[in-house]
Structures are given as structure tokens and as C-alpha cells.
Amino acid sequence: MATSTDTLSRVSPYAERLLDDYIYDELDDAGRKLRAAYSRVSRRKQIDDPRAVRLIREAGESIRKAAIAASGSEPDPPSRAPRILAALVITGVTAWVVKRLTE
């Protein structure tokens, strides 16, 4: 069974990261934007308000930035290979169709 000292030593780096000013500011920003969106929607009784949607999207982005900063690593970018392959196939098929139609 793990002692409290072991648990504390494992959790300590994460706690230090959460106390980081950047993470705190991002989470604070997300909270303010979510409160503003809730206030706007509850007053207007309109869920599809463009400003509320923008505020929610920005709050999600702030939460994502805080999570990336807390984890300590940037996620891998998506691969471009499938898009490039699809573009080449579409270009090739289009060229073939145009060639067949001009004959």
C-alpha cells in the first residue's frame, strides 16, 4: 500500500504545474467566458446566439491551452499524407475525365 509521502511526491509536479500563472490565467479566462455566455443565453433565451457560441468556443480553446501547458507537451500535429493523397487522386481522375471528354 502506498504511503501518503509516495502519493504526495507523485502528485507534487502536477500540483506545481496547476499553480503556474499561465495555467491559472487560462482557466480563469475560460471561466469568465463561460459565465458571460451563460448570462447572455439566460437573458435572451436564445441558444444559437453567435456571440455566445463564440464565447463558448474561446473558453474551450483556453481550457485546451491550459491542459497542454499542464501536461507539459504539445500534441502531435495531424498527418497531411491522407489529404495529399486524396488531392493527387482527385487531380488525376479530373485530368483523365477531361482527356476522355476532349477526344
PDB file of N, CA and C in Angstrom:
ATOM      1  N   MET A   1       0.841  -1.170   0.000  1.00  0.00           N
ATOM      2  CA  MET A   1       0.000   0.000   0.000  1.00  0.00           C
ATOM      3  C   MET A   1       0.892   1.241   0.000  1.00  0.00           C
ATOM      4  N   ALA A   2       0.546   2.221  -0.824  1.00  0.00           N
ATOM      5  CA  ALA A   2       1.341   3.428  -0.953  1.00  0.00           C
ATOM      6  C   ALA A   2       1.126   4.340   0.251  1.00  0.00           C
ATOM      7  N   THR A   3       2.221   4.877   0.700  1.00  0.00           N
ATOM      8  CA  THR A   3       2.111   5.800   1.822  1.00  0.00           C
ATOM      9  C   THR A   3       1.735   7.186   1.310  1.00  0.00           C
ATOM     10  N   SER A   4       1.343   8.047   2.219  1.00  0.00           N
ATOM     11  CA  SER A   4       0.941   9.394   1.817  1.00  0.00           C
ATOM     12  C   SER A   4       2.119  10.178   1.252  1.00  0.00           C
ATOM     13  N   THR A   5       3.326   9.881   1.693  1.00  0.00           N
ATOM     14  CA  THR A   5       4.512  10.558   1.172  1.00  0.00           C
ATOM     15  C   THR A   5       4.743  10.183  -0.283  1.00  0.00           C
ATOM     16  N   ASP A   6       4.548   8.912  -0.627  1.00  0.00           N
ATOM     17  CA  ASP A   6       4.697   8.475  -2.015  1.00  0.00           C
ATOM     18  C   ASP A   6       3.661   9.155  -2.904  1.00  0.00           C
ATOM     19  N   THR A   7       2.436   9.195  -2.426  1.00  0.00           N
ATOM     20  CA  THR A   7       1.362   9.822  -3.193  1.00  0.00           C
ATOM     21  C   THR A   7       1.645  11.300  -3.384  1.00  0.00           C
ATOM     22  N   LEU A   8       2.076  11.960  -2.332  1.00  0.00           N
ATOM     23  CA  LEU A   8       2.381  13.383  -2.410  1.00  0.00           C
ATOM     24  C   LEU A   8       3.532  13.655  -3.368  1.00  0.00           C
ATOM     25  N   SER A   9       4.531  12.804  -3.369  1.00  0.00           N
ATOM     26  CA  SER A   9       5.666  13.012  -4.266  1.00  0.00           C
ATOM     27  C   SER A   9       5.273  12.772  -5.723  1.00  0.00           C
ATOM     28  N   ARG A  10       4.304  11.895  -5.972  1.00  0.00           N
ATOM     29  CA  ARG A  10       3.840  11.667  -7.345  1.00  0.00           C
ATOM     30  C   ARG A  10       2.953  12.800  -7.826  1.00  0.00           C
ATOM     31  N   VAL A  11       2.152  13.374  -6.944  1.00  0.00           N
ATOM     32  CA  VAL A  11       1.195  14.415  -7.320  1.00  0.00           C
ATOM     33  C   VAL A  11       1.847  15.795  -7.344  1.00  0.00           C
ATOM     34  N   SER A  12       2.933  15.979  -6.647  1.00  0.00           N
ATOM     35  CA  SER A  12       3.566  17.284  -6.497  1.00  0.00           C
ATOM     36  C   SER A  12       3.895  17.984  -7.816  1.00  0.00           C
ATOM     37  N   PRO A  13       4.485  17.321  -8.812  1.00  0.00           N
ATOM     38  CA  PRO A  13       4.774  18.039 -10.066  1.00  0.00           C
ATOM     39  C   PRO A  13       3.512  18.558 -10.758  1.00  0.00           C
ATOM     40  N   TYR A  14       2.435  17.787 -10.688  1.00  0.00           N
ATOM     41  CA  TYR A  14       1.194  18.223 -11.313  1.00  0.00           C
ATOM     42  C   TYR A  14       0.591  19.402 -10.561  1.00  0.00           C
ATOM     43  N   ALA A  15       0.687  19.378  -9.243  1.00  0.00           N
ATOM     44  CA  ALA A  15       0.170  20.483  -8.434  1.00  0.00           C
ATOM     45  C   ALA A  15       0.956  21.756  -8.724  1.00  0.00           C
ATOM     46  N   GLU A  16       2.261  21.646  -8.884  1.00  0.00           N
ATOM     47  CA  GLU A  16       3.072  22.813  -9.211  1.00  0.00           C
ATOM     48  C   GLU A  16       2.692  23.381 -10.570  1.00  0.00           C
ATOM     49  N   ARG A  17       2.431  22.514 -11.514  1.00  0.00           N
ATOM     50  CA  ARG A  17       2.022  22.992 -12.836  1.00  0.00           C
ATOM     51  C   ARG A  17       0.673  23.688 -12.781  1.00  0.00           C
ATOM     52  N   LEU A  18      -0.249  23.170 -11.976  1.00  0.00           N
ATOM     53  CA  LEU A  18      -1.556  23.800 -11.866  1.00  0.00           C
ATOM     54  C   LEU A  18      -1.471  25.180 -11.229  1.00  0.00           C
ATOM     55  N   LEU A  19      -0.473  25.380 -10.400  1.00  0.00           N
ATOM     56  CA  LEU A  19      -0.308  26.676  -9.768  1.00  0.00           C
ATOM     57  C   LEU A  19       0.443  27.651 -10.661  1.00  0.00           C
ATOM     58  N   ASP A  20       0.882  27.201 -11.791  1.00  0.00           N
ATOM     59  CA  ASP A  20       1.570  28.061 -12.739  1.00  0.00           C
ATOM     60  C   ASP A  20       0.633  29.201 -13.159  1.00  0.00           C
ATOM     61  N   ASP A  21       1.173  30.391 -13.278  1.00  0.00           N
ATOM     62  CA  ASP A  21       0.354  31.559 -13.601  1.00  0.00           C
ATOM     63  C   ASP A  21      -0.347  31.426 -14.949  1.00  0.00           C
ATOM     64  N   TYR A  22       0.346  30.891 -15.928  1.00  0.00           N
ATOM     65  CA  TYR A  22      -0.251  30.764 -17.263  1.00  0.00           C
ATOM     66  C   TYR A  22      -1.479  29.869 -17.224  1.00  0.00           C
ATOM     67  N   ILE A  23      -1.349  28.731 -16.571  1.00  0.00           N
ATOM     68  CA  ILE A  23      -2.474  27.792 -16.499  1.00  0.00           C
ATOM     69  C   ILE A  23      -3.623  28.433 -15.727  1.00  0.00           C
ATOM     70  N   TYR A  24      -3.279  29.081 -14.620  1.00  0.00           N
ATOM     71  CA  TYR A  24      -4.311  29.741 -13.820  1.00  0.00           C
ATOM     72  C   TYR A  24      -5.035  30.811 -14.641  1.00  0.00           C
ATOM     73  N   ASP A  25      -4.275  31.613 -15.391  1.00  0.00           N
ATOM     74  CA  ASP A  25      -4.884  32.659 -16.208  1.00  0.00           C
ATOM     75  C   ASP A  25      -5.788  32.080 -17.292  1.00  0.00           C
ATOM     76  N   GLU A  26      -5.352  30.993 -17.914  1.00  0.00           N
ATOM     77  CA  GLU A  26      -6.170  30.374 -18.962  1.00  0.00           C
ATOM     78  C   GLU A  26      -7.480  29.818 -18.391  1.00  0.00           C
ATOM     79  N   LEU A  27      -7.385  29.155 -17.237  1.00  0.00           N
ATOM     80  CA  LEU A  27      -8.598  28.611 -16.621  1.00  0.00           C
ATOM     81  C   LEU A  27      -9.513  29.736 -16.140  1.00  0.00           C
ATOM     82  N   ASP A  28      -8.935  30.820 -15.637  1.00  0.00           N
ATOM     83  CA  ASP A  28      -9.724  31.971 -15.223  1.00  0.00           C
ATOM     84  C   ASP A  28     -10.427  32.591 -16.426  1.00  0.00           C
ATOM     85  N   ASP A  29      -9.707  32.708 -17.532  1.00  0.00           N
ATOM     86  CA  ASP A  29     -10.282  33.251 -18.766  1.00  0.00           C
ATOM     87  C   ASP A  29     -11.434  32.371 -19.256  1.00  0.00           C
ATOM     88  N   ALA A  30     -11.249  31.069 -19.204  1.00  0.00           N
ATOM     89  CA  ALA A  30     -12.307  30.146 -19.633  1.00  0.00           C
ATOM     90  C   ALA A  30     -13.535  30.293 -18.738  1.00  0.00           C
ATOM     91  N   GLY A  31     -13.324  30.420 -17.445  1.00  0.00           N
ATOM     92  CA  GLY A  31     -14.443  30.582 -16.525  1.00  0.00           C
ATOM     93  C   GLY A  31     -15.206  31.866 -16.775  1.00  0.00           C
ATOM     94  N   ARG A  32     -14.475  32.955 -17.010  1.00  0.00           N
ATOM     95  CA  ARG A  32     -15.143  34.234 -17.296  1.00  0.00           C
ATOM     96  C   ARG A  32     -15.957  34.152 -18.577  1.00  0.00           C
ATOM     97  N   LYS A  33     -15.403  33.515 -19.604  1.00  0.00           N
ATOM     98  CA  LYS A  33     -16.118  33.427 -20.874  1.00  0.00           C
ATOM     99  C   LYS A  33     -17.344  32.523 -20.771  1.00  0.00           C
ATOM    100  N   LEU A  34     -17.227  31.434 -20.028  1.00  0.00           N
ATOM    101  CA  LEU A  34     -18.391  30.557 -19.842  1.00  0.00           C
ATOM    102  C   LEU A  34     -19.478  31.256 -19.034  1.00  0.00           C
ATOM    103  N   ARG A  35     -19.090  32.028 -18.016  1.00  0.00           N
ATOM    104  CA  ARG A  35     -20.088  32.783 -17.246  1.00  0.00           C
ATOM    105  C   ARG A  35     -20.773  33.822 -18.123  1.00  0.00           C
ATOM    106  N   ALA A  36     -20.004  34.502 -18.971  1.00  0.00           N
ATOM    107  CA  ALA A  36     -20.578  35.505 -19.864  1.00  0.00           C
ATOM    108  C   ALA A  36     -21.532  34.860 -20.864  1.00  0.00           C
ATOM    109  N   ALA A  37     -21.158  33.712 -21.388  1.00  0.00           N
ATOM    110  CA  ALA A  37     -22.037  33.013 -22.338  1.00  0.00           C
ATOM    111  C   ALA A  37     -23.311  32.556 -21.652  1.00  0.00           C
ATOM    112  N   TYR A  38     -23.195  32.023 -20.440  1.00  0.00           N
ATOM    113  CA  TYR A  38     -24.384  31.586 -19.703  1.00  0.00           C
ATOM    114  C   TYR A  38     -25.301  32.767 -19.419  1.00  0.00           C
ATOM    115  N   SER A  39     -24.722  33.879 -19.008  1.00  0.00           N
ATOM    116  CA  SER A  39     -25.508  35.071 -18.717  1.00  0.00           C
ATOM    117  C   SER A  39     -26.235  35.557 -19.968  1.00  0.00           C
ATOM    118  N   ARG A  40     -25.524  35.554 -21.075  1.00  0.00           N
ATOM    119  CA  ARG A  40     -26.118  36.021 -22.334  1.00  0.00           C
ATOM    120  C   ARG A  40     -27.257  35.117 -22.788  1.00  0.00           C
ATOM    121  N   VAL A  41     -27.053  33.811 -22.696  1.00  0.00           N
ATOM    122  CA  VAL A  41     -28.086  32.864 -23.130  1.00  0.00           C
ATOM    123  C   VAL A  41     -29.283  32.911 -22.186  1.00  0.00           C
ATOM    124  N   SER A  42     -29.051  33.018 -20.887  1.00  0.00           N
ATOM    125  CA  SER A  42     -30.163  33.011 -19.944  1.00  0.00           C
ATOM    126  C   SER A  42     -31.008  34.287 -20.055  1.00  0.00           C
ATOM    127  N   ARG A  43     -30.387  35.409 -20.425  1.00  0.00           N
ATOM    128  CA  ARG A  43     -31.156  36.640 -20.615  1.00  0.00           C
ATOM    129  C   ARG A  43     -31.965  36.607 -21.891  1.00  0.00           C
ATOM    130  N   ARG A  44     -31.373  36.132 -22.948  1.00  0.00           N
ATOM    131  CA  ARG A  44     -32.021  36.168 -24.255  1.00  0.00           C
ATOM    132  C   ARG A  44     -32.894  34.952 -24.547  1.00  0.00           C
ATOM    133  N   LYS A  45     -32.701  33.877 -23.814  1.00  0.00           N
ATOM    134  CA  LYS A  45     -33.412  32.615 -24.063  1.00  0.00           C
ATOM    135  C   LYS A  45     -33.209  32.153 -25.502  1.00  0.00           C
ATOM    136  N   GLN A  46     -32.002  32.368 -25.981  1.00  0.00           N
ATOM    137  CA  GLN A  46     -31.676  32.045 -27.365  1.00  0.00           C
ATOM    138  C   GLN A  46     -30.340  31.320 -27.377  1.00  0.00           C
ATOM    139  N   ILE A  47     -30.357  30.039 -27.696  1.00  0.00           N
ATOM    140  CA  ILE A  47     -29.136  29.238 -27.621  1.00  0.00           C
ATOM    141  C   ILE A  47     -28.225  29.487 -28.819  1.00  0.00           C
ATOM    142  N   ASP A  48     -28.765  29.823 -29.952  1.00  0.00           N
ATOM    143  CA  ASP A  48     -27.940  29.975 -31.152  1.00  0.00           C
ATOM    144  C   ASP A  48     -27.433  31.406 -31.337  1.00  0.00           C
ATOM    145  N   ASP A  49     -27.255  32.129 -30.247  1.00  0.00           N
ATOM    146  CA  ASP A  49     -26.707  33.481 -30.294  1.00  0.00           C
ATOM    147  C   ASP A  49     -25.246  33.402 -30.744  1.00  0.00           C
ATOM    148  N   PRO A  50     -24.860  34.102 -31.810  1.00  0.00           N
ATOM    149  CA  PRO A  50     -23.492  33.988 -32.330  1.00  0.00           C
ATOM    150  C   PRO A  50     -22.423  34.407 -31.324  1.00  0.00           C
ATOM    151  N   ARG A  51     -22.703  35.416 -30.518  1.00  0.00           N
ATOM    152  CA  ARG A  51     -21.696  35.849 -29.546  1.00  0.00           C
ATOM    153  C   ARG A  51     -21.510  34.796 -28.455  1.00  0.00           C
ATOM    154  N   ALA A  52     -22.597  34.172 -28.021  1.00  0.00           N
ATOM    155  CA  ALA A  52     -22.493  33.122 -27.004  1.00  0.00           C
ATOM    156  C   ALA A  52     -21.715  31.930 -27.550  1.00  0.00           C
ATOM    157  N   VAL A  53     -21.955  31.593 -28.795  1.00  0.00           N
ATOM    158  CA  VAL A  53     -21.221  30.490 -29.424  1.00  0.00           C
ATOM    159  C   VAL A  53     -19.731  30.818 -29.487  1.00  0.00           C
ATOM    160  N   ARG A  54     -19.412  32.063 -29.838  1.00  0.00           N
ATOM    161  CA  ARG A  54     -18.011  32.488 -29.902  1.00  0.00           C
ATOM    162  C   ARG A  54     -17.356  32.424 -28.519  1.00  0.00           C
ATOM    163  N   LEU A  55     -18.090  32.876 -27.498  1.00  0.00           N
ATOM    164  CA  LEU A  55     -17.550  32.837 -26.140  1.00  0.00           C
ATOM    165  C   LEU A  55     -17.283  31.401 -25.691  1.00  0.00           C
ATOM    166  N   ILE A  56     -18.190  30.498 -26.014  1.00  0.00           N
ATOM    167  CA  ILE A  56     -18.010  29.086 -25.641  1.00  0.00           C
ATOM    168  C   ILE A  56     -16.824  28.482 -26.384  1.00  0.00           C
ATOM    169  N   ARG A  57     -16.676  28.815 -27.651  1.00  0.00           N
ATOM    170  CA  ARG A  57     -15.552  28.305 -28.434  1.00  0.00           C
ATOM    171  C   ARG A  57     -14.224  28.820 -27.863  1.00  0.00           C
ATOM    172  N   GLU A  58     -14.178  30.104 -27.513  1.00  0.00           N
ATOM    173  CA  GLU A  58     -12.956  30.665 -26.939  1.00  0.00           C
ATOM    174  C   GLU A  58     -12.655  30.063 -25.565  1.00  0.00           C
ATOM    175  N   ALA A  59     -13.699  29.777 -24.783  1.00  0.00           N
ATOM    176  CA  ALA A  59     -13.492  29.137 -23.480  1.00  0.00           C
ATOM    177  C   ALA A  59     -12.903  27.741 -23.664  1.00  0.00           C
ATOM    178  N   GLY A  60     -13.401  27.014 -24.638  1.00  0.00           N
ATOM    179  CA  GLY A  60     -12.849  25.687 -24.930  1.00  0.00           C
ATOM    180  C   GLY A  60     -11.397  25.759 -25.348  1.00  0.00           C
ATOM    181  N   GLU A  61     -11.056  26.774 -26.125  1.00  0.00           N
ATOM    182  CA  GLU A  61      -9.670  26.958 -26.547  1.00  0.00           C
ATOM    183  C   GLU A  61      -8.779  27.271 -25.342  1.00  0.00           C
ATOM    184  N   SER A  62      -9.274  28.072 -24.407  1.00  0.00           N
ATOM    185  CA  SER A  62      -8.500  28.382 -23.197  1.00  0.00           C
ATOM    186  C   SER A  62      -8.278  27.129 -22.358  1.00  0.00           C
ATOM    187  N   ILE A  63      -9.307  26.299 -22.249  1.00  0.00           N
ATOM    188  CA  ILE A  63      -9.171  25.053 -21.493  1.00  0.00           C
ATOM    189  C   ILE A  63      -8.168  24.127 -22.172  1.00  0.00           C
ATOM    190  N   ARG A  64      -8.198  24.082 -23.498  1.00  0.00           N
ATOM    191  CA  ARG A  64      -7.246  23.248 -24.242  1.00  0.00           C
ATOM    192  C   ARG A  64      -5.811  23.723 -24.015  1.00  0.00           C
ATOM    193  N   LYS A  65      -5.601  25.043 -24.046  1.00  0.00           N
ATOM    194  CA  LYS A  65      -4.260  25.587 -23.811  1.00  0.00           C
ATOM    195  C   LYS A  65      -3.772  25.264 -22.407  1.00  0.00           C
ATOM    196  N   ALA A  66      -4.676  25.362 -21.426  1.00  0.00           N
ATOM    197  CA  ALA A  66      -4.299  25.046 -20.047  1.00  0.00           C
ATOM    198  C   ALA A  66      -3.948  23.568 -19.907  1.00  0.00           C
ATOM    199  N   ALA A  67      -4.702  22.705 -20.566  1.00  0.00           N
ATOM    200  CA  ALA A  67      -4.427  21.266 -20.491  1.00  0.00           C
ATOM    201  C   ALA A  67      -3.089  20.930 -21.129  1.00  0.00           C
ATOM    202  N   ILE A  68      -2.774  21.585 -22.246  1.00  0.00           N
ATOM    203  CA  ILE A  68      -1.490  21.346 -22.906  1.00  0.00           C
ATOM    204  C   ILE A  68      -0.350  21.824 -22.014  1.00  0.00           C
ATOM    205  N   ALA A  69      -0.525  22.985 -21.391  1.00  0.00           N
ATOM    206  CA  ALA A  69       0.520  23.503 -20.508  1.00  0.00           C
ATOM    207  C   ALA A  69       0.689  22.612 -19.281  1.00  0.00           C
ATOM    208  N   ALA A  70      -0.405  22.054 -18.759  1.00  0.00           N
ATOM    209  CA  ALA A  70      -0.320  21.191 -17.577  1.00  0.00           C
ATOM    210  C   ALA A  70       0.344  19.856 -17.906  1.00  0.00           C
ATOM    211  N   SER A  71       0.105  19.355 -19.099  1.00  0.00           N
ATOM    212  CA  SER A  71       0.706  18.064 -19.468  1.00  0.00           C
ATOM    213  C   SER A  71       2.181  18.209 -19.791  1.00  0.00           C
ATOM    214  N   GLY A  72       2.583  19.408 -20.180  1.00  0.00           N
ATOM    215  CA  GLY A  72       3.996  19.651 -20.438  1.00  0.00           C
ATOM    216  C   GLY A  72       4.445  19.292 -21.837  1.00  0.00           C
ATOM    217  N   SER A  73       3.542  18.861 -22.692  1.00  0.00           N
ATOM    218  CA  SER A  73       3.943  18.513 -24.057  1.00  0.00           C
ATOM    219  C   SER A  73       2.871  18.941 -25.041  1.00  0.00           C
ATOM    220  N   GLU A  74       3.312  19.316 -26.208  1.00  0.00           N
ATOM    221  CA  GLU A  74       2.421  19.717 -27.285  1.00  0.00           C
ATOM    222  C   GLU A  74       1.946  18.467 -28.020  1.00  0.00           C
ATOM    223  N   PRO A  75       0.657  18.381 -28.378  1.00  0.00           N
ATOM    224  CA  PRO A  75       0.197  17.195 -29.105  1.00  0.00           C
ATOM    225  C   PRO A  75       0.792  17.142 -30.511  1.00  0.00           C
ATOM    226  N   ASP A  76       0.905  15.950 -31.046  1.00  0.00           N
ATOM    227  CA  ASP A  76       1.441  15.775 -32.390  1.00  0.00           C
ATOM    228  C   ASP A  76       0.470  16.354 -33.414  1.00  0.00           C
ATOM    229  N   PRO A  77       0.992  17.050 -34.429  1.00  0.00           N
ATOM    230  CA  PRO A  77       0.104  17.588 -35.460  1.00  0.00           C
ATOM    231  C   PRO A  77      -0.466  16.448 -36.308  1.00  0.00           C
ATOM    232  N   PRO A  78      -1.648  16.639 -36.880  1.00  0.00           N
ATOM    233  CA  PRO A  78      -2.228  15.585 -37.709  1.00  0.00           C
ATOM    234  C   PRO A  78      -1.400  15.370 -38.983  1.00  0.00           C
ATOM    235  N   SER A  79      -1.437  14.163 -39.499  1.00  0.00           N
ATOM    236  CA  SER A  79      -0.679  13.820 -40.692  1.00  0.00           C
ATOM    237  C   SER A  79      -1.328  14.436 -41.925  1.00  0.00           C
ATOM    238  N   ARG A  80      -0.500  14.925 -42.832  1.00  0.00           N
ATOM    239  CA  ARG A  80      -1.010  15.519 -44.073  1.00  0.00           C
ATOM    240  C   ARG A  80      -1.066  14.504 -45.213  1.00  0.00           C
ATOM    241  N   ALA A  81      -0.503  13.341 -45.010  1.00  0.00           N
ATOM    242  CA  ALA A  81      -0.412  12.357 -46.081  1.00  0.00           C
ATOM    243  C   ALA A  81      -1.777  11.988 -46.669  1.00  0.00           C
ATOM    244  N   PRO A  82      -2.820  11.718 -45.877  1.00  0.00           N
ATOM    245  CA  PRO A  82      -4.112  11.370 -46.485  1.00  0.00           C
ATOM    246  C   PRO A  82      -4.678  12.498 -47.342  1.00  0.00           C
ATOM    247  N   ARG A  83      -4.504  13.737 -46.911  1.00  0.00           N
ATOM    248  CA  ARG A  83      -5.023  14.854 -47.703  1.00  0.00           C
ATOM    249  C   ARG A  83      -4.270  15.001 -49.017  1.00  0.00           C
ATOM    250  N   ILE A  84      -2.956  14.845 -48.957  1.00  0.00           N
ATOM    251  CA  ILE A  84      -2.151  14.960 -50.174  1.00  0.00           C
ATOM    252  C   ILE A  84      -2.507  13.843 -51.146  1.00  0.00           C
ATOM    253  N   LEU A  85      -2.672  12.628 -50.630  1.00  0.00           N
ATOM    254  CA  LEU A  85      -3.042  11.504 -51.476  1.00  0.00           C
ATOM    255  C   LEU A  85      -4.410  11.725 -52.113  1.00  0.00           C
ATOM    256  N   ALA A  86      -5.374  12.216 -51.340  1.00  0.00           N
ATOM    257  CA  ALA A  86      -6.708  12.486 -51.878  1.00  0.00           C
ATOM    258  C   ALA A  86      -6.648  13.566 -52.950  1.00  0.00           C
ATOM    259  N   ALA A  87      -5.854  14.602 -52.752  1.00  0.00           N
ATOM    260  CA  ALA A  87      -5.723  15.659 -53.755  1.00  0.00           C
ATOM    261  C   ALA A  87      -5.105  15.123 -55.041  1.00  0.00           C
ATOM    262  N   LEU A  88      -4.102  14.259 -54.902  1.00  0.00           N
ATOM    263  CA  LEU A  88      -3.484  13.673 -56.099  1.00  0.00           C
ATOM    264  C   LEU A  88      -4.470  12.786 -56.858  1.00  0.00           C
ATOM    265  N   VAL A  89      -5.239  11.994 -56.141  1.00  0.00           N
ATOM    266  CA  VAL A  89      -6.225  11.117 -56.789  1.00  0.00           C
ATOM    267  C   VAL A  89      -7.278  11.954 -57.497  1.00  0.00           C
ATOM    268  N   ILE A  90      -7.793  12.979 -56.853  1.00  0.00           N
ATOM    269  CA  ILE A  90      -8.817  13.830 -57.466  1.00  0.00           C
ATOM    270  C   ILE A  90      -8.259  14.537 -58.690  1.00  0.00           C
ATOM    271  N   THR A  91      -7.031  15.026 -58.605  1.00  0.00           N
ATOM    272  CA  THR A  91      -6.404  15.685 -59.755  1.00  0.00           C
ATOM    273  C   THR A  91      -6.218  14.712 -60.906  1.00  0.00           C
ATOM    274  N   GLY A  92      -5.766  13.512 -60.595  1.00  0.00           N
ATOM    275  CA  GLY A  92      -5.566  12.509 -61.641  1.00  0.00           C
ATOM    276  C   GLY A  92      -6.870  12.108 -62.307  1.00  0.00           C
ATOM    277  N   VAL A  93      -7.901  11.880 -61.534  1.00  0.00           N
ATOM    278  CA  VAL A  93      -9.211  11.492 -62.097  1.00  0.00           C
ATOM    279  C   VAL A  93      -9.770  12.634 -62.928  1.00  0.00           C
ATOM    280  N   THR A  94      -9.628  13.869 -62.460  1.00  0.00           N
ATOM    281  CA  THR A  94     -10.122  15.023 -63.216  1.00  0.00           C
ATOM    282  C   THR A  94      -9.384  15.152 -64.543  1.00  0.00           C
ATOM    283  N   ALA A  95      -8.070  14.983 -64.531  1.00  0.00           N
ATOM    284  CA  ALA A  95      -7.294  15.058 -65.774  1.00  0.00           C
ATOM    285  C   ALA A  95      -7.707  13.952 -66.739  1.00  0.00           C
ATOM    286  N   TRP A  96      -7.941  12.763 -66.207  1.00  0.00           N
ATOM    287  CA  TRP A  96      -8.351  11.645 -67.053  1.00  0.00           C
ATOM    288  C   TRP A  96      -9.721  11.911 -67.677  1.00  0.00           C
ATOM    289  N   VAL A  97     -10.675  12.436 -66.885  1.00  0.00           N
ATOM    290  CA  VAL A  97     -12.012  12.719 -67.394  1.00  0.00           C
ATOM    291  C   VAL A  97     -11.953  13.814 -68.459  1.00  0.00           C
ATOM    292  N   VAL A  98     -11.174  14.858 -68.229  1.00  0.00           N
ATOM    293  CA  VAL A  98     -11.062  15.938 -69.210  1.00  0.00           C
ATOM    294  C   VAL A  98     -10.434  15.413 -70.487  1.00  0.00           C
ATOM    295  N   LYS A  99      -9.440  14.557 -70.378  1.00  0.00           N
ATOM    296  CA  LYS A  99      -8.795  13.979 -71.566  1.00  0.00           C
ATOM    297  C   LYS A  99      -9.778  13.134 -72.370  1.00  0.00           C
ATOM    298  N   ARG A 100     -10.581  12.333 -71.655  1.00  0.00           N
ATOM    299  CA  ARG A 100     -11.564  11.464 -72.325  1.00  0.00           C
ATOM    300  C   ARG A 100     -12.662  12.281 -72.995  1.00  0.00           C
ATOM    301  N   LEU A 101     -13.056  13.394 -72.379  1.00  0.00           N
ATOM    302  CA  LEU A 101     -14.111  14.232 -72.954  1.00  0.00           C
ATOM    303  C   LEU A 101     -13.636  15.037 -74.151  1.00  0.00           C
ATOM    304  N   THR A 102     -12.360  15.348 -74.240  1.00  0.00           N
ATOM    305  CA  THR A 102     -11.835  16.130 -75.360  1.00  0.00           C
ATOM    306  C   THR A 102     -11.466  15.272 -76.547  1.00  0.00           C
ATOM    307  N   GLU A 103     -11.460  13.968 -76.384  1.00  0.00           N
ATOM    308  CA  GLU A 103     -11.105  13.085 -77.527  1.00  0.00           C
ATOM    309  C   GLU A 103     -12.237  12.963 -78.498  1.00  0.00           C
TER     310      GLU A 103
END
